[in-house]
């Protein structure tokens, strides 16, 4: 287990996410070395990735590469 340097500017979420209680969303934060992701309803569970890996995932999702994963 490694220690995570928490972001100084806090977590960010989409402006499309509602602020009402019970509306969970993915939140992002940036440290000098990585991108942090968490689910707003599970704030203590954090995934760490690199900007390049997150960019690749985002491009793949937009391209539809995961549209048929469950089949």
C-alpha atoms as a PDB file:
ATOM      1  CA  UNK A   1       0.000   0.000   0.000  1.00  0.00           C
ATOM      2  CA  UNK A   2       1.348   3.398  -0.918  1.00  0.00           C
ATOM      3  CA  UNK A   3       0.521   6.803   0.466  1.00  0.00           C
ATOM      4  CA  UNK A   4      -1.360   9.143  -1.837  1.00  0.00           C
ATOM      5  CA  UNK A   5      -0.579  12.832  -1.905  1.00  0.00           C
ATOM      6  CA  UNK A   6      -4.060  14.398  -1.814  1.00  0.00           C
ATOM      7  CA  UNK A   7      -4.752  17.199  -4.247  1.00  0.00           C
ATOM      8  CA  UNK A   8      -4.448  20.725  -2.954  1.00  0.00           C
ATOM      9  CA  UNK A   9      -7.304  22.049  -5.101  1.00  0.00           C
ATOM     10  CA  UNK A  10      -9.778  19.306  -4.206  1.00  0.00           C
ATOM     11  CA  UNK A  11     -11.965  16.953  -6.194  1.00  0.00           C
ATOM     12  CA  UNK A  12     -13.874  17.898  -9.339  1.00  0.00           C
ATOM     13  CA  UNK A  13     -16.987  16.411 -10.843  1.00  0.00           C
ATOM     14  CA  UNK A  14     -18.975  17.058 -13.971  1.00  0.00           C
ATOM     15  CA  UNK A  15     -21.220  20.083 -14.028  1.00  0.00           C
ATOM     16  CA  UNK A  16     -23.906  17.664 -15.271  1.00  0.00           C
ATOM     17  CA  UNK A  17     -23.878  15.875 -11.900  1.00  0.00           C
ATOM     18  CA  UNK A  18     -26.666  16.957  -9.611  1.00  0.00           C
ATOM     19  CA  UNK A  19     -25.813  18.088  -6.093  1.00  0.00           C
ATOM     20  CA  UNK A  20     -28.842  16.363  -4.572  1.00  0.00           C
ATOM     21  CA  UNK A  21     -28.160  13.676  -1.976  1.00  0.00           C
ATOM     22  CA  UNK A  22     -27.910  10.182  -3.426  1.00  0.00           C
ATOM     23  CA  UNK A  23     -26.599  11.281  -6.827  1.00  0.00           C
ATOM     24  CA  UNK A  24     -23.267   9.483  -7.054  1.00  0.00           C
ATOM     25  CA  UNK A  25     -20.752  10.430  -9.705  1.00  0.00           C
ATOM     26  CA  UNK A  26     -17.116   9.945 -10.593  1.00  0.00           C
ATOM     27  CA  UNK A  27     -14.824  12.641  -9.224  1.00  0.00           C
ATOM     28  CA  UNK A  28     -11.339  13.507 -10.492  1.00  0.00           C
ATOM     29  CA  UNK A  29      -8.365  15.180  -8.890  1.00  0.00           C
ATOM     30  CA  UNK A  30      -4.823  15.815 -10.019  1.00  0.00           C
ATOM     31  CA  UNK A  31      -1.579  15.534  -8.110  1.00  0.00           C
ATOM     32  CA  UNK A  32       1.819  16.454  -9.562  1.00  0.00           C
ATOM     33  CA  UNK A  33       2.371  12.836 -10.644  1.00  0.00           C
ATOM     34  CA  UNK A  34      -1.031  11.288 -11.267  1.00  0.00           C
ATOM     35  CA  UNK A  35      -4.770  11.487 -11.759  1.00  0.00           C
ATOM     36  CA  UNK A  36      -6.998  10.292  -8.921  1.00  0.00           C
ATOM     37  CA  UNK A  37     -10.506   8.921  -9.476  1.00  0.00           C
ATOM     38  CA  UNK A  38     -13.173   8.047  -6.952  1.00  0.00           C
ATOM     39  CA  UNK A  39     -16.891   7.422  -6.755  1.00  0.00           C
ATOM     40  CA  UNK A  40     -18.574  10.173  -4.747  1.00  0.00           C
ATOM     41  CA  UNK A  41     -20.513   7.669  -2.634  1.00  0.00           C
ATOM     42  CA  UNK A  42     -17.260   5.768  -1.823  1.00  0.00           C
ATOM     43  CA  UNK A  43     -14.810   8.648  -1.246  1.00  0.00           C
ATOM     44  CA  UNK A  44     -12.202   6.537   0.555  1.00  0.00           C
ATOM     45  CA  UNK A  45     -11.738   4.190  -2.413  1.00  0.00           C
ATOM     46  CA  UNK A  46      -9.366   5.909  -4.833  1.00  0.00           C
ATOM     47  CA  UNK A  47      -7.929   4.701  -8.134  1.00  0.00           C
ATOM     48  CA  UNK A  48      -4.660   6.230  -9.263  1.00  0.00           C
ATOM     49  CA  UNK A  49      -3.684   6.466 -12.916  1.00  0.00           C
ATOM     50  CA  UNK A  50      -1.539   8.503 -15.260  1.00  0.00           C
ATOM     51  CA  UNK A  51      -2.821  11.254 -17.534  1.00  0.00           C
ATOM     52  CA  UNK A  52      -1.817   9.176 -20.598  1.00  0.00           C
ATOM     53  CA  UNK A  53      -3.715   6.086 -19.418  1.00  0.00           C
ATOM     54  CA  UNK A  54      -6.843   8.119 -18.614  1.00  0.00           C
ATOM     55  CA  UNK A  55      -6.628   9.804 -22.019  1.00  0.00           C
ATOM     56  CA  UNK A  56      -6.396   6.391 -23.729  1.00  0.00           C
ATOM     57  CA  UNK A  57      -9.409   5.090 -21.773  1.00  0.00           C
ATOM     58  CA  UNK A  58     -11.453   8.188 -22.609  1.00  0.00           C
ATOM     59  CA  UNK A  59     -10.654   7.861 -26.311  1.00  0.00           C
ATOM     60  CA  UNK A  60     -11.576   4.160 -26.295  1.00  0.00           C
ATOM     61  CA  UNK A  61     -14.905   4.833 -24.578  1.00  0.00           C
ATOM     62  CA  UNK A  62     -15.739   7.623 -27.023  1.00  0.00           C
ATOM     63  CA  UNK A  63     -14.826   5.349 -29.938  1.00  0.00           C
ATOM     64  CA  UNK A  64     -17.280   2.709 -28.677  1.00  0.00           C
ATOM     65  CA  UNK A  65     -14.684   0.019 -27.971  1.00  0.00           C
ATOM     66  CA  UNK A  66     -16.545  -1.031 -24.811  1.00  0.00           C
ATOM     67  CA  UNK A  67     -20.080  -0.924 -26.191  1.00  0.00           C
ATOM     68  CA  UNK A  68     -20.340  -4.712 -26.428  1.00  0.00           C
ATOM     69  CA  UNK A  69     -18.186  -5.856 -23.503  1.00  0.00           C
ATOM     70  CA  UNK A  70     -21.029  -7.718 -21.796  1.00  0.00           C
ATOM     71  CA  UNK A  71     -21.860  -9.813 -24.843  1.00  0.00           C
END
